[in-house]
């Protein structure tokens, strides 16, 4: 349902995050609890719901370069248009958490090469994430970023930058498009989409904006229900009943039901 809302507002793509699946499906923090089959199942559901390009969080690739190859083929078959691979040691942590540990640059480069070798669609996008800046400094992150682009990354993602000066200078340093993640409440300073485009970023993620908005909405609606003992259809608090049916395409299914009943 969330991707139908994303589509309705005209966003250009969908980002399926490991954190989102972990938080909303399992009620757990983003600490490497989801596996390839979990993500593939969600990818298939989303692909059936919308036609938007879909970037999928593949965490660390669920193993070594051979596992990465299998993950790419599985997720592409399920409907992914791009995957995002990161450079932490398994089990990984959210890039905006502390206490991260990273694999060597050469090992990450081999995983990026595996992505480049594995997909069937020539338009499939290979997104390489490095979040080493918080541990080893931004210069190390930039150096690693260049190595990952050389290894075959189509898009570079330097995660959890904290300095505005770094946010502003990064796109000009790389030949490949650079992605920035505006995680609400995370480490990276918030800048408008228009400002980021002027700086030269190729893609802006708003990871878990829908998730955090949904959680807040549930807290408001259920908090009021608990305190007042009733819940009216107030559009300031809840989506209208009709809007929920529109998002799940009930009218289309009613028409299909009528058509199939007419068959003798």
C-alpha atoms as a PDB file:
ATOM      1  CA  UNK A   1       0.000   0.000   0.000  1.00  0.00           C
ATOM      2  CA  UNK A   2       2.837   2.395   0.768  1.00  0.00           C
ATOM      3  CA  UNK A   3       4.235   2.113  -2.759  1.00  0.00           C
ATOM      4  CA  UNK A   4       0.785   2.929  -4.154  1.00  0.00           C
ATOM      5  CA  UNK A   5       0.920   6.159  -2.114  1.00  0.00           C
ATOM      6  CA  UNK A   6       4.435   6.832  -3.429  1.00  0.00           C
ATOM      7  CA  UNK A   7       3.181   6.319  -6.982  1.00  0.00           C
ATOM      8  CA  UNK A   8       0.151   8.571  -6.377  1.00  0.00           C
ATOM      9  CA  UNK A   9       2.372  11.505  -5.382  1.00  0.00           C
ATOM     10  CA  UNK A  10       4.510  11.173  -8.482  1.00  0.00           C
ATOM     11  CA  UNK A  11       7.827  10.077  -7.026  1.00  0.00           C
ATOM     12  CA  UNK A  12      10.266   8.719  -9.580  1.00  0.00           C
ATOM     13  CA  UNK A  13      11.213   5.461  -7.894  1.00  0.00           C
ATOM     14  CA  UNK A  14      10.669   3.175  -4.920  1.00  0.00           C
ATOM     15  CA  UNK A  15      13.408   2.269  -2.431  1.00  0.00           C
ATOM     16  CA  UNK A  16      12.879  -0.998  -0.542  1.00  0.00           C
ATOM     17  CA  UNK A  17      15.015  -0.718   2.583  1.00  0.00           C
ATOM     18  CA  UNK A  18      16.272  -3.525   4.750  1.00  0.00           C
ATOM     19  CA  UNK A  19      15.552  -1.324   7.750  1.00  0.00           C
ATOM     20  CA  UNK A  20      11.963  -0.842   6.645  1.00  0.00           C
ATOM     21  CA  UNK A  21      11.360  -4.554   6.172  1.00  0.00           C
ATOM     22  CA  UNK A  22      13.070  -5.377   9.467  1.00  0.00           C
ATOM     23  CA  UNK A  23      11.219  -2.707  11.458  1.00  0.00           C
ATOM     24  CA  UNK A  24       7.737  -3.166  10.015  1.00  0.00           C
ATOM     25  CA  UNK A  25       7.659  -6.909   9.322  1.00  0.00           C
ATOM     26  CA  UNK A  26       9.569  -8.166  12.360  1.00  0.00           C
ATOM     27  CA  UNK A  27       9.531  -5.291  14.845  1.00  0.00           C
ATOM     28  CA  UNK A  28      13.331  -5.486  15.063  1.00  0.00           C
ATOM     29  CA  UNK A  29      16.142  -2.931  14.619  1.00  0.00           C
ATOM     30  CA  UNK A  30      18.259  -2.746  11.463  1.00  0.00           C
ATOM     31  CA  UNK A  31      20.973  -5.142  12.641  1.00  0.00           C
ATOM     32  CA  UNK A  32      21.113  -7.675   9.826  1.00  0.00           C
ATOM     33  CA  UNK A  33      18.111  -9.819  10.714  1.00  0.00           C
ATOM     34  CA  UNK A  34      16.531 -10.024   7.242  1.00  0.00           C
ATOM     35  CA  UNK A  35      17.658 -12.517   4.619  1.00  0.00           C
ATOM     36  CA  UNK A  36      17.551 -12.757   0.844  1.00  0.00           C
ATOM     37  CA  UNK A  37      14.234 -14.628   0.775  1.00  0.00           C
ATOM     38  CA  UNK A  38      12.600 -11.938   2.944  1.00  0.00           C
ATOM     39  CA  UNK A  39      13.698  -9.206   0.567  1.00  0.00           C
ATOM     40  CA  UNK A  40      12.815 -11.166  -2.571  1.00  0.00           C
ATOM     41  CA  UNK A  41       9.282 -11.760  -1.264  1.00  0.00           C
ATOM     42  CA  UNK A  42       8.796  -8.043  -0.656  1.00  0.00           C
ATOM     43  CA  UNK A  43      10.267  -7.169  -4.058  1.00  0.00           C
ATOM     44  CA  UNK A  44       7.786  -9.467  -5.804  1.00  0.00           C
ATOM     45  CA  UNK A  45       4.843  -7.939  -3.924  1.00  0.00           C
ATOM     46  CA  UNK A  46       5.916  -4.400  -4.781  1.00  0.00           C
ATOM     47  CA  UNK A  47       6.536  -5.248  -8.426  1.00  0.00           C
ATOM     48  CA  UNK A  48       3.011  -6.613  -8.668  1.00  0.00           C
ATOM     49  CA  UNK A  49       1.610  -3.420  -7.125  1.00  0.00           C
ATOM     50  CA  UNK A  50       3.421  -0.699  -9.133  1.00  0.00           C
ATOM     51  CA  UNK A  51       5.547  -0.252 -12.236  1.00  0.00           C
ATOM     52  CA  UNK A  52       7.931   2.296 -10.721  1.00  0.00           C
ATOM     53  CA  UNK A  53      11.674   1.615 -10.899  1.00  0.00           C
ATOM     54  CA  UNK A  54      12.686  -0.178  -7.706  1.00  0.00           C
ATOM     55  CA  UNK A  55      16.005   0.112  -5.875  1.00  0.00           C
ATOM     56  CA  UNK A  56      16.430  -2.764  -3.424  1.00  0.00           C
ATOM     57  CA  UNK A  57      18.615  -2.852  -0.329  1.00  0.00           C
ATOM     58  CA  UNK A  58      20.704  -6.019  -0.600  1.00  0.00           C
ATOM     59  CA  UNK A  59      22.634  -5.320   2.618  1.00  0.00           C
ATOM     60  CA  UNK A  60      26.064  -6.975   2.331  1.00  0.00           C
ATOM     61  CA  UNK A  61      24.944  -9.316  -0.438  1.00  0.00           C
ATOM     62  CA  UNK A  62      24.259 -12.026   2.144  1.00  0.00           C
ATOM     63  CA  UNK A  63      27.786 -13.436   1.986  1.00  0.00           C
ATOM     64  CA  UNK A  64      30.791 -13.316  -0.326  1.00  0.00           C
ATOM     65  CA  UNK A  65      30.962 -12.436  -4.028  1.00  0.00           C
ATOM     66  CA  UNK A  66      29.337 -15.739  -5.031  1.00  0.00           C
ATOM     67  CA  UNK A  67      26.462 -15.057  -2.645  1.00  0.00           C
ATOM     68  CA  UNK A  68      26.189 -11.581  -4.154  1.00  0.00           C
ATOM     69  CA  UNK A  69      25.806 -13.123  -7.617  1.00  0.00           C
ATOM     70  CA  UNK A  70      22.984 -15.329  -6.354  1.00  0.00           C
ATOM     71  CA  UNK A  71      21.334 -12.357  -4.604  1.00  0.00           C
ATOM     72  CA  UNK A  72      21.411 -10.244  -7.759  1.00  0.00           C
ATOM     73  CA  UNK A  73      19.841 -12.980  -9.875  1.00  0.00           C
ATOM     74  CA  UNK A  74      17.182 -13.675  -7.233  1.00  0.00           C
ATOM     75  CA  UNK A  75      16.229 -10.029  -6.723  1.00  0.00           C
ATOM     76  CA  UNK A  76      16.275  -9.200 -10.424  1.00  0.00           C
ATOM     77  CA  UNK A  77      13.976 -12.140 -11.153  1.00  0.00           C
ATOM     78  CA  UNK A  78      11.655 -10.903  -8.394  1.00  0.00           C
ATOM     79  CA  UNK A  79      11.429  -7.472 -10.046  1.00  0.00           C
ATOM     80  CA  UNK A  80      14.308  -5.285  -8.802  1.00  0.00           C
ATOM     81  CA  UNK A  81      15.673  -2.666 -11.202  1.00  0.00           C
ATOM     82  CA  UNK A  82      18.715  -1.893  -9.056  1.00  0.00           C
ATOM     83  CA  UNK A  83      20.365  -3.163  -5.904  1.00  0.00           C
ATOM     84  CA  UNK A  84      22.317  -1.336  -3.252  1.00  0.00           C
ATOM     85  CA  UNK A  85      25.264  -3.216  -1.782  1.00  0.00           C
ATOM     86  CA  UNK A  86      27.148  -2.125   1.323  1.00  0.00           C
ATOM     87  CA  UNK A  87      30.598  -2.740   2.750  1.00  0.00           C
ATOM     88  CA  UNK A  88      30.094  -3.793   6.353  1.00  0.00           C
ATOM     89  CA  UNK A  89      31.050  -7.024   8.046  1.00  0.00           C
ATOM     90  CA  UNK A  90      28.100  -9.368   8.579  1.00  0.00           C
ATOM     91  CA  UNK A  91      25.895  -8.983  10.517  1.00  0.00           C
ATOM     92  CA  UNK A  92      25.646  -5.372   9.404  1.00  0.00           C
ATOM     93  CA  UNK A  93      24.173  -2.336  11.158  1.00  0.00           C
ATOM     94  CA  UNK A  94      22.300   0.686   9.886  1.00  0.00           C
ATOM     95  CA  UNK A  95      24.789   3.191   8.482  1.00  0.00           C
ATOM     96  CA  UNK A  96      23.520   5.798  10.948  1.00  0.00           C
ATOM     97  CA  UNK A  97      24.284   3.547  13.946  1.00  0.00           C
ATOM     98  CA  UNK A  98      27.562   3.482  15.852  1.00  0.00           C
ATOM     99  CA  UNK A  99      29.855   0.473  16.189  1.00  0.00           C
ATOM    100  CA  UNK A 100      30.154  -0.463  12.514  1.00  0.00           C
ATOM    101  CA  UNK A 101      32.926  -2.703  11.117  1.00  0.00           C
ATOM    102  CA  UNK A 102      33.913  -2.865   7.464  1.00  0.00           C
ATOM    103  CA  UNK A 103      35.371  -5.348   5.012  1.00  0.00           C
ATOM    104  CA  UNK A 104      38.540  -4.387   3.096  1.00  0.00           C
ATOM    105  CA  UNK A 105      38.131  -2.226   0.009  1.00  0.00           C
ATOM    106  CA  UNK A 106      39.388  -5.033  -2.255  1.00  0.00           C
ATOM    107  CA  UNK A 107      36.731  -7.420  -0.947  1.00  0.00           C
ATOM    108  CA  UNK A 108      33.985  -4.861  -1.491  1.00  0.00           C
ATOM    109  CA  UNK A 109      35.272  -4.206  -5.006  1.00  0.00           C
ATOM    110  CA  UNK A 110      35.006  -7.927  -5.772  1.00  0.00           C
ATOM    111  CA  UNK A 111      31.354  -7.855  -4.687  1.00  0.00           C
ATOM    112  CA  UNK A 112      30.673  -4.879  -6.945  1.00  0.00           C
ATOM    113  CA  UNK A 113      32.258  -6.746  -9.853  1.00  0.00           C
ATOM    114  CA  UNK A 114      29.990  -9.701  -9.060  1.00  0.00           C
ATOM    115  CA  UNK A 115      26.934  -7.440  -9.307  1.00  0.00           C
ATOM    116  CA  UNK A 116      28.131  -6.098 -12.663  1.00  0.00           C
ATOM    117  CA  UNK A 117      28.627  -9.656 -13.966  1.00  0.00           C
ATOM    118  CA  UNK A 118      25.337 -11.099 -12.717  1.00  0.00           C
ATOM    119  CA  UNK A 119      22.380  -9.062 -13.916  1.00  0.00           C
ATOM    120  CA  UNK A 120      20.564  -9.754 -17.179  1.00  0.00           C
ATOM    121  CA  UNK A 121      18.920  -6.383 -17.881  1.00  0.00           C
ATOM    122  CA  UNK A 122      21.379  -3.933 -19.430  1.00  0.00           C
ATOM    123  CA  UNK A 123      19.601  -1.097 -17.628  1.00  0.00           C
ATOM    124  CA  UNK A 124      19.961  -2.716 -14.184  1.00  0.00           C
ATOM    125  CA  UNK A 125      21.764  -0.337 -11.801  1.00  0.00           C
ATOM    126  CA  UNK A 126      24.624  -1.317  -9.501  1.00  0.00           C
ATOM    127  CA  UNK A 127      24.655   0.961  -6.433  1.00  0.00           C
ATOM    128  CA  UNK A 128      27.707   0.777  -4.168  1.00  0.00           C
ATOM    129  CA  UNK A 129      27.425   2.053  -0.611  1.00  0.00           C
ATOM    130  CA  UNK A 130      30.257   2.912   1.712  1.00  0.00           C
ATOM    131  CA  UNK A 131      29.674   4.198   5.233  1.00  0.00           C
ATOM    132  CA  UNK A 132      33.315   4.155   6.366  1.00  0.00           C
ATOM    133  CA  UNK A 133      33.467   7.936   6.873  1.00  0.00           C
ATOM    134  CA  UNK A 134      32.229   7.756  10.465  1.00  0.00           C
ATOM    135  CA  UNK A 135      34.936   5.207  11.321  1.00  0.00           C
ATOM    136  CA  UNK A 136      37.893   6.059   9.075  1.00  0.00           C
ATOM    137  CA  UNK A 137      37.143   9.596   7.919  1.00  0.00           C
ATOM    138  CA  UNK A 138      35.716  11.158   4.787  1.00  0.00           C
ATOM    139  CA  UNK A 139      38.981  10.969   2.832  1.00  0.00           C
ATOM    140  CA  UNK A 140      39.026   7.200   3.223  1.00  0.00           C
ATOM    141  CA  UNK A 141      35.388   7.075   2.106  1.00  0.00           C
ATOM    142  CA  UNK A 142      36.243   9.109  -1.002  1.00  0.00           C
ATOM    143  CA  UNK A 143      39.198   6.862  -1.819  1.00  0.00           C
ATOM    144  CA  UNK A 144      37.054   3.764  -1.398  1.00  0.00           C
ATOM    145  CA  UNK A 145      34.340   5.334  -3.505  1.00  0.00           C
ATOM    146  CA  UNK A 146      36.725   5.747  -6.428  1.00  0.00           C
ATOM    147  CA  UNK A 147      37.749   2.096  -6.146  1.00  0.00           C
ATOM    148  CA  UNK A 148      34.123   0.970  -6.191  1.00  0.00           C
ATOM    149  CA  UNK A 149      33.326   3.039  -9.274  1.00  0.00           C
ATOM    150  CA  UNK A 150      36.376   1.518 -10.986  1.00  0.00           C
ATOM    151  CA  UNK A 151      35.059  -1.944 -10.038  1.00  0.00           C
ATOM    152  CA  UNK A 152      31.801  -1.321 -11.900  1.00  0.00           C
ATOM    153  CA  UNK A 153      29.435   0.644  -9.653  1.00  0.00           C
ATOM    154  CA  UNK A 154      26.932   2.633 -11.731  1.00  0.00           C
ATOM    155  CA  UNK A 155      25.989   4.847  -8.787  1.00  0.00           C
ATOM    156  CA  UNK A 156      28.021   5.707  -5.687  1.00  0.00           C
ATOM    157  CA  UNK A 157      26.392   6.061  -2.273  1.00  0.00           C
ATOM    158  CA  UNK A 158      28.495   7.578   0.530  1.00  0.00           C
ATOM    159  CA  UNK A 159      26.317   7.122   3.593  1.00  0.00           C
ATOM    160  CA  UNK A 160      25.949   9.045   6.851  1.00  0.00           C
ATOM    161  CA  UNK A 161      27.952  12.166   6.010  1.00  0.00           C
ATOM    162  CA  UNK A 162      27.826  14.614   8.872  1.00  0.00           C
ATOM    163  CA  UNK A 163      29.510  17.793   7.561  1.00  0.00           C
ATOM    164  CA  UNK A 164      27.661  20.149   5.233  1.00  0.00           C
ATOM    165  CA  UNK A 165      30.943  20.879   3.468  1.00  0.00           C
ATOM    166  CA  UNK A 166      31.295  17.195   2.562  1.00  0.00           C
ATOM    167  CA  UNK A 167      27.705  17.019   1.330  1.00  0.00           C
ATOM    168  CA  UNK A 168      28.350  19.986  -0.934  1.00  0.00           C
ATOM    169  CA  UNK A 169      31.656  18.855  -2.470  1.00  0.00           C
ATOM    170  CA  UNK A 170      31.140  15.131  -3.070  1.00  0.00           C
ATOM    171  CA  UNK A 171      29.264  15.039  -6.414  1.00  0.00           C
ATOM    172  CA  UNK A 172      32.039  16.903  -8.216  1.00  0.00           C
ATOM    173  CA  UNK A 173      34.648  14.347  -7.105  1.00  0.00           C
ATOM    174  CA  UNK A 174      33.304  11.343  -9.029  1.00  0.00           C
ATOM    175  CA  UNK A 175      32.584  10.419 -12.631  1.00  0.00           C
ATOM    176  CA  UNK A 176      29.647   8.235 -11.605  1.00  0.00           C
ATOM    177  CA  UNK A 177      26.369   9.718 -10.313  1.00  0.00           C
ATOM    178  CA  UNK A 178      26.369  10.160  -6.541  1.00  0.00           C
ATOM    179  CA  UNK A 179      23.388   9.212  -4.362  1.00  0.00           C
ATOM    180  CA  UNK A 180      22.571  10.854  -1.043  1.00  0.00           C
ATOM    181  CA  UNK A 181      20.316   9.483   1.654  1.00  0.00           C
ATOM    182  CA  UNK A 182      18.301  11.934   3.746  1.00  0.00           C
ATOM    183  CA  UNK A 183      17.399   9.696   6.668  1.00  0.00           C
ATOM    184  CA  UNK A 184      14.994  11.640   8.873  1.00  0.00           C
ATOM    185  CA  UNK A 185      16.718  12.017  12.251  1.00  0.00           C
ATOM    186  CA  UNK A 186      19.957  10.484  10.892  1.00  0.00           C
ATOM    187  CA  UNK A 187      23.476  11.869  10.702  1.00  0.00           C
ATOM    188  CA  UNK A 188      23.307  13.632   7.327  1.00  0.00           C
ATOM    189  CA  UNK A 189      22.177  17.297   7.341  1.00  0.00           C
ATOM    190  CA  UNK A 190      18.837  17.839   5.633  1.00  0.00           C
ATOM    191  CA  UNK A 191      18.899  19.799   2.391  1.00  0.00           C
ATOM    192  CA  UNK A 192      16.082  20.344  -0.094  1.00  0.00           C
ATOM    193  CA  UNK A 193      15.803  18.158  -3.173  1.00  0.00           C
ATOM    194  CA  UNK A 194      16.315  21.242  -5.358  1.00  0.00           C
ATOM    195  CA  UNK A 195      19.504  22.206  -3.502  1.00  0.00           C
ATOM    196  CA  UNK A 196      20.895  18.683  -3.778  1.00  0.00           C
ATOM    197  CA  UNK A 197      20.138  18.615  -7.488  1.00  0.00           C
ATOM    198  CA  UNK A 198      22.016  21.893  -7.965  1.00  0.00           C
ATOM    199  CA  UNK A 199      24.980  20.401  -6.112  1.00  0.00           C
ATOM    200  CA  UNK A 200      25.037  17.608  -8.683  1.00  0.00           C
ATOM    201  CA  UNK A 201      23.509  14.611  -6.900  1.00  0.00           C
ATOM    202  CA  UNK A 202      21.978  12.085  -9.278  1.00  0.00           C
ATOM    203  CA  UNK A 203      19.551  10.513  -6.831  1.00  0.00           C
ATOM    204  CA  UNK A 204      18.094  11.434  -3.439  1.00  0.00           C
ATOM    205  CA  UNK A 205      16.690   8.803  -1.089  1.00  0.00           C
ATOM    206  CA  UNK A 206      14.268   9.590   1.699  1.00  0.00           C
ATOM    207  CA  UNK A 207      14.744   6.265   3.419  1.00  0.00           C
ATOM    208  CA  UNK A 208      11.915   5.367   5.793  1.00  0.00           C
ATOM    209  CA  UNK A 209      10.067   8.676   5.440  1.00  0.00           C
ATOM    210  CA  UNK A 210       6.908   6.697   4.703  1.00  0.00           C
ATOM    211  CA  UNK A 211       7.629   4.304   7.569  1.00  0.00           C
ATOM    212  CA  UNK A 212       8.142   7.049  10.143  1.00  0.00           C
ATOM    213  CA  UNK A 213       5.057   8.900   8.914  1.00  0.00           C
ATOM    214  CA  UNK A 214       2.986   5.728   9.157  1.00  0.00           C
ATOM    215  CA  UNK A 215       4.172   4.986  12.688  1.00  0.00           C
ATOM    216  CA  UNK A 216       3.322   8.530  13.776  1.00  0.00           C
ATOM    217  CA  UNK A 217      -0.120   8.245  12.204  1.00  0.00           C
ATOM    218  CA  UNK A 218      -0.803   4.960  13.994  1.00  0.00           C
ATOM    219  CA  UNK A 219       0.301   6.456  17.292  1.00  0.00           C
ATOM    220  CA  UNK A 220      -2.017   9.426  16.829  1.00  0.00           C
ATOM    221  CA  UNK A 221      -5.042   7.357  15.824  1.00  0.00           C
ATOM    222  CA  UNK A 222      -4.604   4.639  18.442  1.00  0.00           C
ATOM    223  CA  UNK A 223      -3.650   7.112  21.168  1.00  0.00           C
ATOM    224  CA  UNK A 224      -6.877   9.014  20.581  1.00  0.00           C
ATOM    225  CA  UNK A 225      -8.869   5.774  20.441  1.00  0.00           C
ATOM    226  CA  UNK A 226      -7.399   4.713  23.789  1.00  0.00           C
ATOM    227  CA  UNK A 227      -7.988   8.049  25.489  1.00  0.00           C
ATOM    228  CA  UNK A 228     -11.449   8.843  24.085  1.00  0.00           C
ATOM    229  CA  UNK A 229     -12.873   5.374  23.508  1.00  0.00           C
ATOM    230  CA  UNK A 230     -13.930   6.115  19.943  1.00  0.00           C
ATOM    231  CA  UNK A 231     -12.412   6.984  16.582  1.00  0.00           C
ATOM    232  CA  UNK A 232     -14.334   8.989  13.981  1.00  0.00           C
ATOM    233  CA  UNK A 233     -13.369   9.180  10.301  1.00  0.00           C
ATOM    234  CA  UNK A 234     -11.397  12.397  10.723  1.00  0.00           C
ATOM    235  CA  UNK A 235      -9.190  12.983   7.642  1.00  0.00           C
ATOM    236  CA  UNK A 236      -6.758  14.926   9.803  1.00  0.00           C
ATOM    237  CA  UNK A 237      -6.003  11.722  11.721  1.00  0.00           C
ATOM    238  CA  UNK A 238      -6.856   8.729   9.519  1.00  0.00           C
ATOM    239  CA  UNK A 239      -7.128   7.956   5.817  1.00  0.00           C
ATOM    240  CA  UNK A 240     -10.758   7.827   4.741  1.00  0.00           C
ATOM    241  CA  UNK A 241     -12.335   4.414   4.207  1.00  0.00           C
ATOM    242  CA  UNK A 242     -12.830   5.189   0.536  1.00  0.00           C
ATOM    243  CA  UNK A 243      -9.209   6.207   0.108  1.00  0.00           C
ATOM    244  CA  UNK A 244      -8.058   2.887   1.542  1.00  0.00           C
ATOM    245  CA  UNK A 245     -10.258   1.051  -0.967  1.00  0.00           C
ATOM    246  CA  UNK A 246      -8.901   3.210  -3.818  1.00  0.00           C
ATOM    247  CA  UNK A 247      -5.305   2.341  -2.923  1.00  0.00           C
ATOM    248  CA  UNK A 248      -6.000  -1.386  -2.966  1.00  0.00           C
ATOM    249  CA  UNK A 249      -7.973  -1.029  -6.246  1.00  0.00           C
ATOM    250  CA  UNK A 250     -11.219  -2.433  -4.890  1.00  0.00           C
ATOM    251  CA  UNK A 251     -13.280  -1.009  -7.766  1.00  0.00           C
ATOM    252  CA  UNK A 252     -11.132  -2.874 -10.296  1.00  0.00           C
ATOM    253  CA  UNK A 253     -11.611  -6.107  -8.372  1.00  0.00           C
ATOM    254  CA  UNK A 254     -15.368  -5.530  -8.142  1.00  0.00           C
ATOM    255  CA  UNK A 255     -15.466  -5.128 -11.933  1.00  0.00           C
ATOM    256  CA  UNK A 256     -13.417  -8.288 -12.401  1.00  0.00           C
ATOM    257  CA  UNK A 257     -15.682 -10.169 -10.012  1.00  0.00           C
ATOM    258  CA  UNK A 258     -18.734  -9.098 -12.006  1.00  0.00           C
ATOM    259  CA  UNK A 259     -17.098 -10.082 -15.306  1.00  0.00           C
ATOM    260  CA  UNK A 260     -16.160 -13.549 -14.080  1.00  0.00           C
ATOM    261  CA  UNK A 261     -19.655 -14.119 -12.689  1.00  0.00           C
ATOM    262  CA  UNK A 262     -21.118 -13.355 -16.123  1.00  0.00           C
ATOM    263  CA  UNK A 263     -19.162 -16.205 -17.691  1.00  0.00           C
ATOM    264  CA  UNK A 264     -21.394 -19.274 -18.289  1.00  0.00           C
END
